[in-house]
Amino acid sequence: MTETDLNLLRALGALLDTGSVTGAAARLGLSVSAMSRTLTRLRTATGDPLFVRAGSRLVPTPHATALATRVPDLLVQVEAALAPEEGGLDLTTLDRTFSLRANEGFIHRFGAALIPAMLRAAPLTRLRLAPKTIKDATPLREGAVDLEIGVLGEFAPEIRTRRLFEDQFIAAVRPGHPLLEGPVTPESFARALHVVASRRGQLAGPVDEALADMGLSRRVAAVVPGFPDAMEIARRSDLVAQIPRSVLSPDLVGIDLPVPVPGISVSAMWHPRFDVDPEQKWFRATVFETVHTVEAAGH
């Protein structure tokens, strides 16, 4: 074997998660210059630029995007192989409540599969699903939440993360909606009435920015707290709901947005003090496996 520095794998994971040399440096406790040197070593090791400039930000190459789906699993496997032997964890007698904070879209899609998966292995465990009202690392830092699911954004640098799946926003309408009578263009999309979901009550977002670039604007007739609320309104009216594709209800019709909008990278987050706790590791592994199973089934 050629000599390989396994720290490069963790550095690559941080770069893929943050999309930033500065962010990855903060995550790993390195200087920006040291992180830049590490990126140079990664480029040499992989034979690929991995990240290139697009204006003021870094964007991944196709090879880096492909690696993004492999690196988290590799890190887990390496850390498990090098971790001290776990002993004494008897799942049949584990009596504990695990707390997971996520938005209603994740709960709607994965909750019904996650709870039975936990109970099959550890029948005395319980799952407390906590609402995600704001993006704040305090519950993880204080131990009020064991695991959080969401979009990273600007999060606490010490928090451990694992990318779970990619998602994208779509429009959702009732069957027979007038928008379905012809091709959905930016103009026809903008003319429709819209309902958006925003915990902070925001009227505008990336869709409005993309429409503005085309000289268009839409009328947001309602703002609701969550995606199920937006879908319920779309189900009973001619309003168009903007939701992630992963939460689309089967009785609604999903429409690709006719404007370019960035995708969504959904990750799991936990505090580093829980890294080697056997019960927490089992809980995280159960969540990761459930997400993978549901994603593979296309549900």
Protein backbone atom coordinates (compact mmCIF):
# COMPACT_ATOMS: atom_id res chain seq x y z
CA MET A 1 0.00 0.00 0.00
CA THR A 2 1.11 3.53 -0.64
CA GLU A 3 1.29 5.62 2.52
CA THR A 4 -2.06 7.35 3.04
CA ASP A 5 -2.90 10.05 5.58
CA LEU A 6 -6.42 9.27 6.80
CA ASN A 7 -6.71 12.85 8.04
CA LEU A 8 -7.11 13.81 4.38
CA LEU A 9 -10.41 11.95 4.38
CA ARG A 10 -11.75 14.03 7.29
CA ALA A 11 -10.48 17.21 5.62
CA LEU A 12 -12.24 16.26 2.38
CA GLY A 13 -15.44 15.64 4.32
CA ALA A 14 -15.24 19.09 5.91
CA LEU A 15 -14.61 20.74 2.54
CA LEU A 16 -17.53 18.92 0.95
CA ASP A 17 -19.87 19.87 3.81
CA THR A 18 -18.89 23.53 4.05
CA GLY A 19 -17.89 24.28 0.44
CA SER A 20 -15.33 26.67 1.87
CA VAL A 21 -11.66 26.53 2.85
CA THR A 22 -12.37 28.96 5.67
CA GLY A 23 -15.38 26.96 6.90
CA ALA A 24 -13.48 23.67 6.71
CA ALA A 25 -10.56 25.20 8.60
CA ALA A 26 -12.88 26.35 11.39
CA ARG A 27 -14.53 22.90 11.50
CA LEU A 28 -11.18 21.14 11.93
CA GLY A 29 -9.49 23.74 14.13
CA LEU A 30 -6.86 24.60 11.49
CA SER A 31 -5.60 27.87 10.08
CA VAL A 32 -6.86 28.86 6.64
CA SER A 33 -3.35 28.52 5.21
CA ALA A 34 -3.02 25.00 6.65
CA MET A 35 -6.40 24.07 5.14
CA SER A 36 -5.28 25.46 1.77
CA ARG A 37 -2.18 23.25 1.92
CA THR A 38 -4.39 20.27 2.77
CA LEU A 39 -6.57 20.99 -0.25
CA THR A 40 -3.43 21.00 -2.40
CA ARG A 41 -2.50 17.57 -1.00
CA LEU A 42 -6.03 16.31 -1.71
CA ARG A 43 -5.80 17.53 -5.29
CA THR A 44 -2.50 15.70 -5.70
CA ALA A 45 -3.85 12.51 -4.11
CA THR A 46 -7.05 12.43 -6.20
CA GLY A 47 -5.66 13.87 -9.43
CA ASP A 48 -8.62 16.26 -9.56
CA PRO A 49 -9.03 19.99 -8.72
CA LEU A 50 -12.01 19.03 -6.46
CA PHE A 51 -13.07 22.68 -5.96
CA VAL A 52 -12.83 25.59 -8.38
CA ARG A 53 -13.69 29.27 -8.16
CA ALA A 54 -17.08 30.51 -9.34
CA GLY A 55 -17.05 34.21 -8.60
CA SER A 56 -16.41 34.65 -4.89
CA ARG A 57 -17.17 31.07 -3.89
CA LEU A 58 -15.84 27.55 -4.42
CA VAL A 59 -17.90 24.98 -6.31
CA PRO A 60 -17.21 21.23 -6.42
CA THR A 61 -16.08 19.46 -9.57
CA PRO A 62 -18.09 16.44 -10.78
CA HIS A 63 -15.53 14.16 -9.13
CA ALA A 64 -15.94 15.97 -5.80
CA THR A 65 -19.73 15.72 -6.10
CA ALA A 66 -19.40 11.96 -6.63
CA LEU A 67 -17.11 11.68 -3.61
CA ALA A 68 -19.65 13.54 -1.46
CA THR A 69 -21.88 10.45 -1.42
CA ARG A 70 -18.99 8.15 -0.42
CA VAL A 71 -16.87 10.09 2.05
CA PRO A 72 -19.35 10.10 5.01
CA ASP A 73 -19.65 6.29 4.92
CA LEU A 74 -15.90 5.90 4.60
CA LEU A 75 -15.34 8.16 7.62
CA VAL A 76 -17.81 6.17 9.70
CA GLN A 77 -16.15 2.89 8.71
CA VAL A 78 -12.63 4.17 9.45
CA GLU A 79 -13.65 5.65 12.80
CA ALA A 80 -15.46 2.45 13.75
CA ALA A 81 -12.44 0.33 12.82
CA LEU A 82 -10.07 2.47 14.90
CA ALA A 83 -12.42 3.08 17.86
CA PRO A 84 -12.02 1.20 21.15
CA GLU A 85 -13.93 -2.05 21.35
CA GLU A 86 -17.49 -1.44 22.46
CA GLY A 87 -18.78 -3.71 25.14
CA GLY A 88 -21.74 -3.99 27.41
CA LEU A 89 -24.33 -2.45 25.10
CA ASP A 90 -27.35 -4.72 25.36
CA LEU A 91 -30.01 -3.29 23.08
CA THR A 92 -32.66 -5.62 24.44
CA THR A 93 -32.44 -3.89 27.84
CA LEU A 94 -31.63 -0.36 26.65
CA ASP A 95 -34.27 1.86 28.25
CA ARG A 96 -33.72 5.38 26.97
CA THR A 97 -35.42 8.27 25.21
CA PHE A 98 -33.52 9.63 22.20
CA SER A 99 -34.28 13.13 21.00
CA LEU A 100 -34.18 14.15 17.36
CA ARG A 101 -34.83 17.69 16.13
CA ALA A 102 -36.06 18.01 12.54
CA ASN A 103 -38.60 19.88 10.46
CA GLU A 104 -42.00 18.39 9.74
CA GLY A 105 -40.91 17.33 6.23
CA PHE A 106 -38.27 14.93 7.59
CA ILE A 107 -40.64 13.63 10.27
CA HIS A 108 -43.37 13.07 7.67
CA ARG A 109 -41.07 11.17 5.35
CA PHE A 110 -38.89 9.11 7.72
CA GLY A 111 -40.62 8.98 11.12
CA ALA A 112 -42.91 6.05 10.35
CA ALA A 113 -39.92 3.92 9.30
CA LEU A 114 -37.49 5.10 12.00
CA ILE A 115 -39.62 4.24 15.04
CA PRO A 116 -40.17 0.54 14.10
CA ALA A 117 -36.47 0.24 13.19
CA MET A 118 -35.52 1.40 16.69
CA LEU A 119 -38.06 -0.84 18.42
CA ARG A 120 -37.02 -3.95 16.50
CA ALA A 121 -33.49 -3.71 17.88
CA ALA A 122 -34.15 -1.95 21.19
CA PRO A 123 -37.79 -2.48 22.24
CA LEU A 124 -37.56 -0.31 25.37
CA THR A 125 -36.32 2.83 23.60
CA ARG A 126 -38.42 5.89 22.81
CA LEU A 127 -38.07 8.65 20.25
CA ARG A 128 -38.87 12.27 21.05
CA LEU A 129 -39.22 14.33 17.86
CA ALA A 130 -38.54 17.95 18.73
CA PRO A 131 -39.81 20.82 16.54
CA LYS A 132 -37.20 22.87 14.73
CA THR A 133 -38.34 26.44 15.20
CA ILE A 134 -34.96 28.12 14.66
CA LYS A 135 -31.50 27.15 13.41
CA ASP A 136 -29.48 27.14 16.63
CA ALA A 137 -26.76 24.81 17.98
CA THR A 138 -27.68 25.44 21.63
CA PRO A 139 -29.88 22.31 22.04
CA LEU A 140 -27.03 20.13 20.74
CA ARG A 141 -24.44 21.86 22.91
CA GLU A 142 -26.60 21.57 26.03
CA GLY A 143 -27.57 17.95 25.39
CA ALA A 144 -31.28 18.74 25.01
CA VAL A 145 -31.16 17.12 21.56
CA ASP A 146 -29.14 14.05 20.57
CA LEU A 147 -29.31 14.53 16.81
CA GLU A 148 -30.47 17.29 14.50
CA ILE A 149 -31.47 17.01 10.85
CA GLY A 150 -31.40 19.96 8.50
CA VAL A 151 -29.46 22.22 6.16
CA LEU A 152 -26.08 23.21 7.56
CA GLY A 153 -25.77 26.86 6.60
CA GLU A 154 -23.69 28.79 9.13
CA PHE A 155 -23.60 26.33 12.00
CA ALA A 156 -21.38 25.91 15.06
CA PRO A 157 -17.84 24.91 13.96
CA GLU A 158 -17.42 22.10 16.49
CA ILE A 159 -20.61 20.24 15.53
CA ARG A 160 -20.10 16.88 13.80
CA THR A 161 -22.03 16.39 10.57
CA ARG A 162 -22.93 13.76 8.00
CA ARG A 163 -24.61 14.46 4.70
CA LEU A 164 -27.77 12.36 4.31
CA PHE A 165 -29.39 13.18 0.97
CA GLU A 166 -29.92 15.84 -1.66
CA ASP A 167 -33.28 17.44 -2.27
CA GLN A 168 -34.72 20.23 -4.44
CA PHE A 169 -37.66 22.60 -4.32
CA ILE A 170 -40.61 22.02 -6.63
CA ALA A 171 -44.09 23.49 -7.06
CA ALA A 172 -47.08 21.45 -5.86
CA VAL A 173 -50.63 21.92 -7.17
CA ARG A 174 -53.93 20.07 -7.01
CA PRO A 175 -54.91 17.80 -9.95
CA GLY A 176 -56.71 19.85 -12.59
CA HIS A 177 -54.97 23.08 -11.62
CA PRO A 178 -55.03 25.67 -14.44
CA LEU A 179 -51.21 25.73 -14.43
CA LEU A 180 -51.25 22.15 -15.75
CA GLU A 181 -53.15 23.08 -18.91
CA GLY A 182 -50.00 24.00 -20.82
CA PRO A 183 -46.23 24.21 -20.48
CA VAL A 184 -45.19 25.81 -17.17
CA THR A 185 -43.12 28.84 -18.12
CA PRO A 186 -41.59 31.47 -15.83
CA GLU A 187 -44.39 33.81 -16.95
CA SER A 188 -47.29 31.41 -16.25
CA PHE A 189 -45.67 30.41 -12.97
CA ALA A 190 -45.33 34.06 -11.90
CA ARG A 191 -48.96 34.81 -12.76
CA ALA A 192 -50.27 32.15 -10.35
CA LEU A 193 -51.01 32.81 -6.69
CA HIS A 194 -48.53 31.21 -4.30
CA VAL A 195 -48.32 29.92 -0.74
CA VAL A 196 -44.89 29.56 0.87
CA ALA A 197 -43.75 27.87 4.06
CA SER A 198 -41.46 29.86 6.32
CA ARG A 199 -40.85 29.43 10.05
CA ARG A 200 -39.77 33.08 10.14
CA GLY A 201 -42.69 34.34 8.07
CA GLN A 202 -40.56 35.44 5.11
CA LEU A 203 -42.42 36.28 1.91
CA ALA A 204 -39.51 36.13 -0.55
CA GLY A 205 -36.72 33.67 -1.24
CA PRO A 206 -34.49 32.23 -4.00
CA VAL A 207 -37.46 31.70 -6.35
CA ASP A 208 -38.28 35.41 -6.19
CA GLU A 209 -34.64 36.32 -6.83
CA ALA A 210 -34.58 34.05 -9.91
CA LEU A 211 -37.82 35.57 -11.19
CA ALA A 212 -36.51 39.09 -10.59
CA ASP A 213 -33.48 38.28 -12.77
CA MET A 214 -35.99 37.65 -15.57
CA GLY A 215 -37.93 40.84 -14.88
CA LEU A 216 -40.77 38.90 -13.27
CA SER A 217 -42.39 38.75 -9.85
CA ARG A 218 -44.98 36.51 -8.26
CA ARG A 219 -47.73 37.24 -5.77
CA VAL A 220 -47.37 35.33 -2.50
CA ALA A 221 -50.91 35.24 -1.14
CA ALA A 222 -50.12 33.33 2.05
CA VAL A 223 -47.23 32.36 4.33
CA VAL A 224 -47.60 29.31 6.58
CA PRO A 225 -45.30 27.74 9.21
CA GLY A 226 -44.64 24.40 7.50
CA PHE A 227 -44.80 22.36 4.30
CA PRO A 228 -47.82 20.24 5.33
CA ASP A 229 -49.77 23.48 5.82
CA ALA A 230 -48.71 24.72 2.38
CA MET A 231 -49.75 21.44 0.76
CA GLU A 232 -53.13 21.49 2.50
CA ILE A 233 -53.84 24.94 1.08
CA ALA A 234 -52.69 23.84 -2.39
CA ARG A 235 -54.89 20.77 -2.09
CA ARG A 236 -58.02 22.88 -1.47
CA SER A 237 -57.39 25.91 -3.71
CA ASP A 238 -55.61 27.17 -6.81
CA LEU A 239 -52.61 28.39 -4.81
CA VAL A 240 -49.24 26.94 -5.78
CA ALA A 241 -47.13 25.56 -2.91
CA GLN A 242 -43.34 25.59 -2.94
CA ILE A 243 -42.04 22.48 -1.15
CA PRO A 244 -39.09 20.05 -1.21
CA ARG A 245 -39.67 17.16 -3.61
CA SER A 246 -39.12 14.68 -0.78
CA VAL A 247 -42.29 15.76 1.08
CA LEU A 248 -44.67 15.84 -1.91
CA SER A 249 -48.01 14.24 -1.05
CA PRO A 250 -49.20 11.61 -3.58
CA ASP A 251 -52.51 13.41 -4.07
CA LEU A 252 -50.76 16.53 -5.40
CA VAL A 253 -48.96 17.08 -8.69
CA GLY A 254 -45.31 18.10 -8.52
CA ILE A 255 -43.95 20.56 -11.08
CA ASP A 256 -40.30 21.35 -11.70
CA LEU A 257 -39.68 25.02 -11.01
CA PRO A 258 -39.26 26.93 -14.31
CA VAL A 259 -36.47 29.01 -12.78
CA PRO A 260 -33.03 27.93 -11.48
CA VAL A 261 -33.05 27.46 -7.71
CA PRO A 262 -30.20 25.95 -5.63
CA GLY A 263 -30.69 22.40 -4.35
CA ILE A 264 -30.92 21.39 -0.71
CA SER A 265 -28.28 19.29 1.05
CA VAL A 266 -29.79 17.65 4.15
CA SER A 267 -27.36 16.63 6.91
CA ALA A 268 -27.32 15.08 10.36
CA MET A 269 -25.64 17.06 13.15
CA TRP A 270 -24.51 16.06 16.63
CA HIS A 271 -22.18 17.29 19.37
CA PRO A 272 -18.65 15.77 19.45
CA ARG A 273 -19.03 14.61 23.05
CA PHE A 274 -21.44 11.97 21.74
CA ASP A 275 -19.03 10.65 19.11
CA VAL A 276 -17.97 7.46 20.90
CA ASP A 277 -20.94 6.91 23.21
CA PRO A 278 -22.16 3.40 22.24
CA GLU A 279 -25.85 4.21 22.70
CA GLN A 280 -25.60 7.40 20.66
CA LYS A 281 -23.61 5.66 17.94
CA TRP A 282 -26.31 3.00 17.68
CA PHE A 283 -29.02 5.67 17.48
CA ARG A 284 -27.19 7.61 14.75
CA ALA A 285 -26.51 4.42 12.78
CA THR A 286 -30.21 3.52 12.98
CA VAL A 287 -31.22 6.96 11.68
CA PHE A 288 -28.64 6.82 8.87
CA GLU A 289 -29.69 3.31 7.81
CA THR A 290 -33.39 4.24 7.87
CA VAL A 291 -32.79 7.30 5.70
CA HIS A 292 -30.73 5.23 3.27
CA THR A 293 -33.44 2.52 3.10
CA VAL A 294 -36.30 4.97 2.51
CA GLU A 295 -34.24 6.91 -0.06
CA ALA A 296 -33.34 3.70 -1.93
CA ALA A 297 -36.99 2.66 -1.99
CA GLY A 298 -37.91 6.03 -3.52
CA HIS A 299 -40.57 6.77 -0.90
